[in-house]
Amino acid sequence: MNSLSKTSLIYENSIHKLICNSIEKKLKNIKLEQLQMLANNLEISLIKKKTDKDKFIKKNKMELINELNENLKNKSNSIKIDILKSNNIGIEIEVKDLLKIEDFDIDELIELNICLTLEKFLIDHPTIAEKFTNSCDLININNTIKSTNCIPCEVQGLYILTINKNDIDYIVKLGSFAESQGMYKRICSFGGGNYDTGSATNKWFQSFIKKAMEQNYTSKFTYYNKNQEKILIDDLDDAKIEMSPYVMRPLEAQLFKKYNLSNSNIPPIFGSNCL
C-alpha cells in the first residue's frame, strides 16, 4: 500500500472523518431557519442572483447545506464544534463509532469539548448537585470493570458516568437503575458486556472504560438514590398488595433535558438518541 492510500485509510478511520459525517448528517436534518441562522453567523449570503434575470432569490436548503459544508470543511474539529455549539446545533457522536477507530485516542475526544464536565453540569443545575451525592469508583478486576466501594442497596435511582484526567470529570453516560438493581447491581450487569450474550450497551461500556483506564483516565459513577414510598393496589383477587412504583423514566428524561440544555444540545456519547 502506497503512502497516499495509507493516508486515505487513516482519514476514513478517524475522529476527523466521524465529525465530518456527523455534521453533514446534522445539517441535512435541521430546519431551514436554523441553517439560515448558521449561514448568517458565518457570513454566507442567503440569496443568489438568477442567471436569466437581474433578480435575487433565496437559496434553497440544499444550496445552503453545500455552502456550509464547504465553509466548515477546512476548519479544525474543535473550531467546527465551537461554531455548532455557539449556534445551539447539537451533533451526535456515538461511542460505538468511536470504538471502531483504530488506536482511538480519548484525549482527542476530550479536546473536542463535546463531553460536558460534571462540575459545569452541577453548577448549572443546583437541584442535581443536591441530589447526586453518592459516588463509587470503577476499577478493572480480571478484565471486568467493577466497583469495590459501591454499597449494595435496594433502591431505584439515576446515575452519571464520568471519566477523569487532571482532576476534571467528563460525562460520558447518563442512566437509571431499578430498585431490584440498585447502583451496585447495575454495575454488575455492565459486566455482562464481557460475554457474547451481553447487550451492546454493556459491551460498549466495558470496551470504552477499559480503553480510558489504559490511557490514564479514572472513572466513577455519581448517583442519586430515589427513596420511593410504596403504594397499595388491588390484585386480580381484589386483595391489597404493596408495591413500589418505578418512577425513573420521567426523571431520566428530565436529566437528559438538563444535560442537553447545558451542552448546547450535544448529547452524551452513550446516548445520542436521547435528545
Protein backbone atom coordinates (compact mmCIF):
# COMPACT_ATOMS: atom_id res chain seq x y z
CA MET A 1 0.00 0.00 0.00
CA ASN A 2 1.46 3.38 -1.01
CA SER A 3 1.67 6.36 1.37
CA LEU A 4 -1.34 8.10 -0.25
CA SER A 5 -3.51 5.01 0.26
CA LYS A 6 -2.38 4.75 3.88
CA THR A 7 -3.25 8.41 4.47
CA SER A 8 -6.70 7.92 2.91
CA LEU A 9 -7.32 4.86 5.11
CA ILE A 10 -6.30 6.75 8.24
CA TYR A 11 -8.62 9.62 7.29
CA GLU A 12 -11.54 7.27 6.69
CA ASN A 13 -10.98 5.68 10.11
CA SER A 14 -10.58 8.77 12.28
CA ILE A 15 -12.38 11.13 14.62
CA HIS A 16 -11.99 13.81 11.94
CA LYS A 17 -14.00 11.75 9.45
CA LEU A 18 -16.55 10.90 12.15
CA ILE A 19 -17.03 14.60 12.94
CA CYS A 20 -17.42 15.48 9.24
CA ASN A 21 -20.02 12.76 8.71
CA SER A 22 -21.92 13.78 11.85
CA ILE A 23 -22.01 17.43 10.80
CA GLU A 24 -23.20 16.58 7.28
CA LYS A 25 -25.96 14.39 8.72
CA LYS A 26 -26.99 17.07 11.22
CA LEU A 27 -27.18 19.85 8.63
CA LYS A 28 -29.49 17.73 6.48
CA ASN A 29 -31.83 17.11 9.40
CA ILE A 30 -32.22 20.58 10.89
CA LYS A 31 -34.78 23.16 9.81
CA LEU A 32 -34.13 25.74 7.10
CA GLU A 33 -34.41 28.54 9.67
CA GLN A 34 -31.50 27.06 11.66
CA LEU A 35 -29.42 26.71 8.51
CA GLN A 36 -30.10 30.35 7.62
CA MET A 37 -29.09 31.49 11.09
CA LEU A 38 -25.86 29.47 10.90
CA ALA A 39 -25.12 30.83 7.43
CA ASN A 40 -25.68 34.39 8.65
CA ASN A 41 -23.25 33.88 11.51
CA LEU A 42 -20.65 32.54 9.06
CA GLU A 43 -21.29 35.49 6.71
CA ILE A 44 -22.67 33.26 3.97
CA SER A 45 -25.21 35.05 1.80
CA LEU A 46 -28.77 33.70 1.89
CA ILE A 47 -29.60 34.96 -1.59
CA LYS A 48 -28.31 34.36 -5.10
CA LYS A 49 -28.67 36.14 -8.39
CA LYS A 50 -30.82 34.50 -11.03
CA THR A 51 -28.95 33.82 -14.24
CA ASP A 52 -31.75 34.76 -16.61
CA LYS A 53 -32.91 37.97 -14.94
CA ASP A 54 -31.41 40.68 -12.83
CA LYS A 55 -33.24 39.43 -9.74
CA PHE A 56 -32.21 37.84 -6.49
CA ILE A 57 -33.81 34.80 -4.89
CA LYS A 58 -33.26 32.95 -1.64
CA LYS A 59 -31.02 29.90 -1.70
CA ASN A 60 -32.76 26.62 -1.03
CA LYS A 61 -31.88 24.22 1.75
CA MET A 62 -29.51 22.03 -0.27
CA GLU A 63 -27.62 25.05 -1.61
CA LEU A 64 -27.10 26.32 1.93
CA ILE A 65 -26.01 22.88 3.15
CA ASN A 66 -23.42 22.62 0.35
CA GLU A 67 -22.02 26.07 1.14
CA LEU A 68 -21.94 25.39 4.87
CA ASN A 69 -20.12 22.09 4.37
CA GLU A 70 -17.61 23.83 2.12
CA ASN A 71 -17.13 26.61 4.68
CA LEU A 72 -16.56 24.17 7.55
CA LYS A 73 -14.50 21.63 5.58
CA ASN A 74 -11.03 23.05 6.21
CA LYS A 75 -11.60 24.21 9.77
CA SER A 76 -10.22 22.21 12.68
CA ASN A 77 -12.51 19.81 14.50
CA SER A 78 -12.58 21.93 17.64
CA ILE A 79 -13.49 25.08 15.70
CA LYS A 80 -16.28 23.22 13.90
CA ILE A 81 -17.68 22.06 17.23
CA ASP A 82 -17.39 25.57 18.71
CA ILE A 83 -19.34 27.01 15.77
CA LEU A 84 -22.12 24.45 16.13
CA LYS A 85 -22.28 24.89 19.90
CA SER A 86 -22.47 28.67 19.62
CA ASN A 87 -25.48 28.17 17.33
CA ASN A 88 -27.01 25.57 19.65
CA ILE A 89 -26.81 22.91 16.94
CA GLY A 90 -26.06 19.59 18.59
CA ILE A 91 -24.32 16.80 16.74
CA GLU A 92 -24.35 13.16 17.76
CA ILE A 93 -21.06 11.34 18.31
CA GLU A 94 -21.70 7.74 19.33
CA VAL A 95 -19.40 5.58 21.41
CA LYS A 96 -19.97 2.58 19.12
CA ASP A 97 -18.44 4.57 16.23
CA LEU A 98 -15.58 5.90 18.34
CA LEU A 99 -14.66 2.35 19.33
CA LYS A 100 -14.36 1.37 15.65
CA ILE A 101 -11.47 3.80 15.23
CA GLU A 102 -8.12 2.04 15.34
CA ASP A 103 -5.90 3.32 18.19
CA PHE A 104 -8.70 5.64 19.32
CA ASP A 105 -7.21 8.46 21.43
CA ILE A 106 -9.60 9.57 24.19
CA ASP A 107 -7.62 12.79 24.70
CA GLU A 108 -8.59 13.72 21.14
CA LEU A 109 -12.26 13.20 22.03
CA ILE A 110 -11.98 15.33 25.17
CA GLU A 111 -10.24 18.12 23.27
CA LEU A 112 -13.32 18.44 21.04
CA ASN A 113 -15.20 19.85 24.05
CA ILE A 114 -18.31 17.76 23.41
CA CYS A 115 -18.27 15.95 26.77
CA LEU A 116 -19.81 18.23 29.40
CA THR A 117 -17.86 18.41 32.64
CA LEU A 118 -19.55 17.23 35.80
CA GLU A 119 -18.60 20.48 37.51
CA LYS A 120 -20.42 22.63 34.94
CA PHE A 121 -23.46 20.36 34.95
CA LEU A 122 -23.80 20.60 38.72
CA ILE A 123 -23.24 24.36 38.72
CA ASP A 124 -25.87 24.85 36.01
CA HIS A 125 -28.40 22.70 37.87
CA PRO A 126 -28.18 23.09 41.67
CA THR A 127 -31.04 20.63 42.25
CA ILE A 128 -28.93 17.92 40.56
CA ALA A 129 -25.99 18.79 42.82
CA GLU A 130 -28.25 18.48 45.87
CA LYS A 131 -29.49 15.02 44.89
CA PHE A 132 -26.47 13.32 43.31
CA THR A 133 -24.45 12.98 46.50
CA ASN A 134 -23.32 9.34 46.16
CA SER A 135 -20.32 8.15 44.18
CA CYS A 136 -18.34 4.98 43.60
CA ASP A 137 -15.06 4.37 41.79
CA LEU A 138 -14.54 1.90 38.97
CA ILE A 139 -11.57 -0.44 38.60
CA ASN A 140 -10.54 -3.21 36.24
CA ILE A 141 -10.51 -6.58 38.04
CA ASN A 142 -9.60 -9.58 35.89
CA ASN A 143 -10.60 -7.71 32.73
CA THR A 144 -14.02 -6.71 34.07
CA ILE A 145 -14.95 -3.19 35.15
CA LYS A 146 -16.25 -3.32 38.72
CA SER A 147 -16.57 -1.19 41.86
CA THR A 148 -15.33 -2.14 45.30
CA ASN A 149 -16.78 0.82 47.18
CA CYS A 150 -20.41 0.78 45.99
CA ILE A 151 -22.67 -0.31 48.84
CA PRO A 152 -25.44 -2.76 47.81
CA CYS A 153 -28.83 -1.15 48.37
CA GLU A 154 -32.30 -1.97 47.02
CA VAL A 155 -33.33 1.44 45.78
CA GLN A 156 -34.09 2.95 42.38
CA GLY A 157 -32.23 5.95 41.04
CA LEU A 158 -30.25 7.81 38.39
CA TYR A 159 -26.54 7.83 37.58
CA ILE A 160 -23.90 9.94 35.83
CA LEU A 161 -20.88 8.07 34.45
CA THR A 162 -17.68 10.09 34.11
CA ILE A 163 -14.05 9.63 33.14
CA ASN A 164 -11.41 11.78 34.80
CA LYS A 165 -7.99 13.13 33.92
CA ASN A 166 -6.17 16.07 35.53
CA ASP A 167 -8.90 16.27 38.19
CA ILE A 168 -11.64 17.01 35.65
CA ASP A 169 -14.66 14.71 35.36
CA TYR A 170 -16.12 14.39 31.85
CA ILE A 171 -19.64 12.99 31.48
CA VAL A 172 -19.98 10.12 29.01
CA LYS A 173 -23.24 8.46 30.06
CA LEU A 174 -26.48 9.11 31.92
CA GLY A 175 -28.92 6.44 33.02
CA SER A 176 -31.21 4.90 35.58
CA PHE A 177 -31.49 1.75 37.67
CA ALA A 178 -34.42 -0.13 39.14
CA GLU A 179 -35.00 -0.89 42.81
CA SER A 180 -34.26 -4.55 42.13
CA GLN A 181 -30.78 -3.49 40.94
CA GLY A 182 -29.61 -0.53 42.93
CA MET A 183 -26.38 1.07 41.70
CA TYR A 184 -24.32 -1.93 42.84
CA LYS A 185 -26.22 -4.50 40.78
CA ARG A 186 -26.39 -2.10 37.82
CA ILE A 187 -22.60 -2.04 37.79
CA CYS A 188 -22.60 -5.85 37.99
CA SER A 189 -24.96 -6.02 35.00
CA PHE A 190 -22.49 -3.93 32.98
CA GLY A 191 -20.13 -6.89 33.47
CA GLY A 192 -22.30 -8.83 31.04
CA GLY A 193 -20.59 -6.86 28.31
CA ASN A 194 -17.68 -9.30 28.54
CA TYR A 195 -19.85 -12.13 27.19
CA ASP A 196 -21.32 -12.86 23.76
CA THR A 197 -24.82 -12.74 25.24
CA GLY A 198 -24.25 -9.30 26.77
CA SER A 199 -26.14 -6.26 25.49
CA ALA A 200 -24.50 -3.85 23.07
CA THR A 201 -24.58 -1.06 25.68
CA ASN A 202 -22.81 -3.23 28.25
CA LYS A 203 -20.17 -4.23 25.69
CA TRP A 204 -19.54 -0.59 24.77
CA PHE A 205 -19.29 0.24 28.47
CA GLN A 206 -16.64 -2.42 29.10
CA SER A 207 -14.62 -1.53 26.00
CA PHE A 208 -14.71 2.23 26.49
CA ILE A 209 -13.93 2.32 30.22
CA LYS A 210 -11.09 -0.20 29.79
CA LYS A 211 -9.64 1.93 27.00
CA ALA A 212 -9.97 5.07 29.15
CA MET A 213 -8.12 3.39 32.01
CA GLU A 214 -5.39 2.21 29.63
CA GLN A 215 -4.94 5.87 28.66
CA ASN A 216 -4.54 7.04 32.27
CA TYR A 217 -8.12 8.07 32.97
CA THR A 218 -10.04 7.07 36.04
CA SER A 219 -13.79 6.51 36.10
CA LYS A 220 -16.67 6.71 38.55
CA PHE A 221 -20.43 6.81 38.94
CA THR A 222 -22.10 9.75 40.66
CA TYR A 223 -25.64 8.79 41.51
CA TYR A 224 -28.95 9.62 43.14
CA ASN A 225 -30.86 7.10 45.26
CA LYS A 226 -34.58 7.82 44.95
CA ASN A 227 -36.46 6.61 48.03
CA GLN A 228 -39.95 5.98 46.73
CA GLU A 229 -42.93 5.40 49.02
CA LYS A 230 -44.79 2.15 48.44
CA ILE A 231 -48.41 2.15 47.32
CA LEU A 232 -51.32 -0.29 47.76
CA ILE A 233 -53.03 -1.80 44.73
CA ASP A 234 -55.72 -4.41 44.23
CA ASP A 235 -54.52 -7.66 42.73
CA LEU A 236 -56.64 -9.88 40.48
CA ASP A 237 -58.33 -11.41 43.51
CA ASP A 238 -59.14 -7.94 44.85
CA ALA A 239 -56.63 -8.40 47.65
CA LYS A 240 -54.44 -5.49 48.70
CA ILE A 241 -50.76 -5.79 47.82
CA GLU A 242 -47.94 -3.35 48.46
CA MET A 243 -45.57 -2.29 45.70
CA SER A 244 -43.04 0.40 44.93
CA PRO A 245 -43.82 2.18 41.61
CA TYR A 246 -40.92 2.68 39.20
CA VAL A 247 -40.69 6.45 38.72
CA MET A 248 -37.32 6.79 37.00
CA ARG A 249 -38.42 7.08 33.36
CA PRO A 250 -39.71 10.70 33.56
CA LEU A 251 -36.83 11.67 35.86
CA GLU A 252 -34.30 10.15 33.45
CA ALA A 253 -35.85 12.10 30.58
CA GLN A 254 -35.60 15.26 32.69
CA LEU A 255 -31.94 14.50 33.43
CA PHE A 256 -31.18 14.27 29.70
CA LYS A 257 -33.02 17.53 29.01
CA LYS A 258 -30.99 19.33 31.67
CA TYR A 259 -27.78 17.88 30.23
CA ASN A 260 -28.64 18.91 26.68
CA LEU A 261 -29.52 22.41 27.91
CA SER A 262 -26.07 22.74 29.45
CA ASN A 263 -24.22 21.20 26.50
CA SER A 264 -25.73 23.09 23.54
CA ASN A 265 -27.89 20.09 22.55
CA ILE A 266 -24.91 17.74 22.21
CA PRO A 267 -25.88 14.50 23.99
CA PRO A 268 -23.53 12.16 25.86
CA ILE A 269 -21.58 9.73 23.65
CA PHE A 270 -23.59 6.93 25.29
CA GLY A 271 -26.97 8.35 24.33
CA SER A 272 -27.05 10.19 21.03
CA ASN A 273 -30.69 9.16 20.58
CA CYS A 274 -31.77 10.87 23.80
CA LEU A 275 -32.23 14.45 22.62
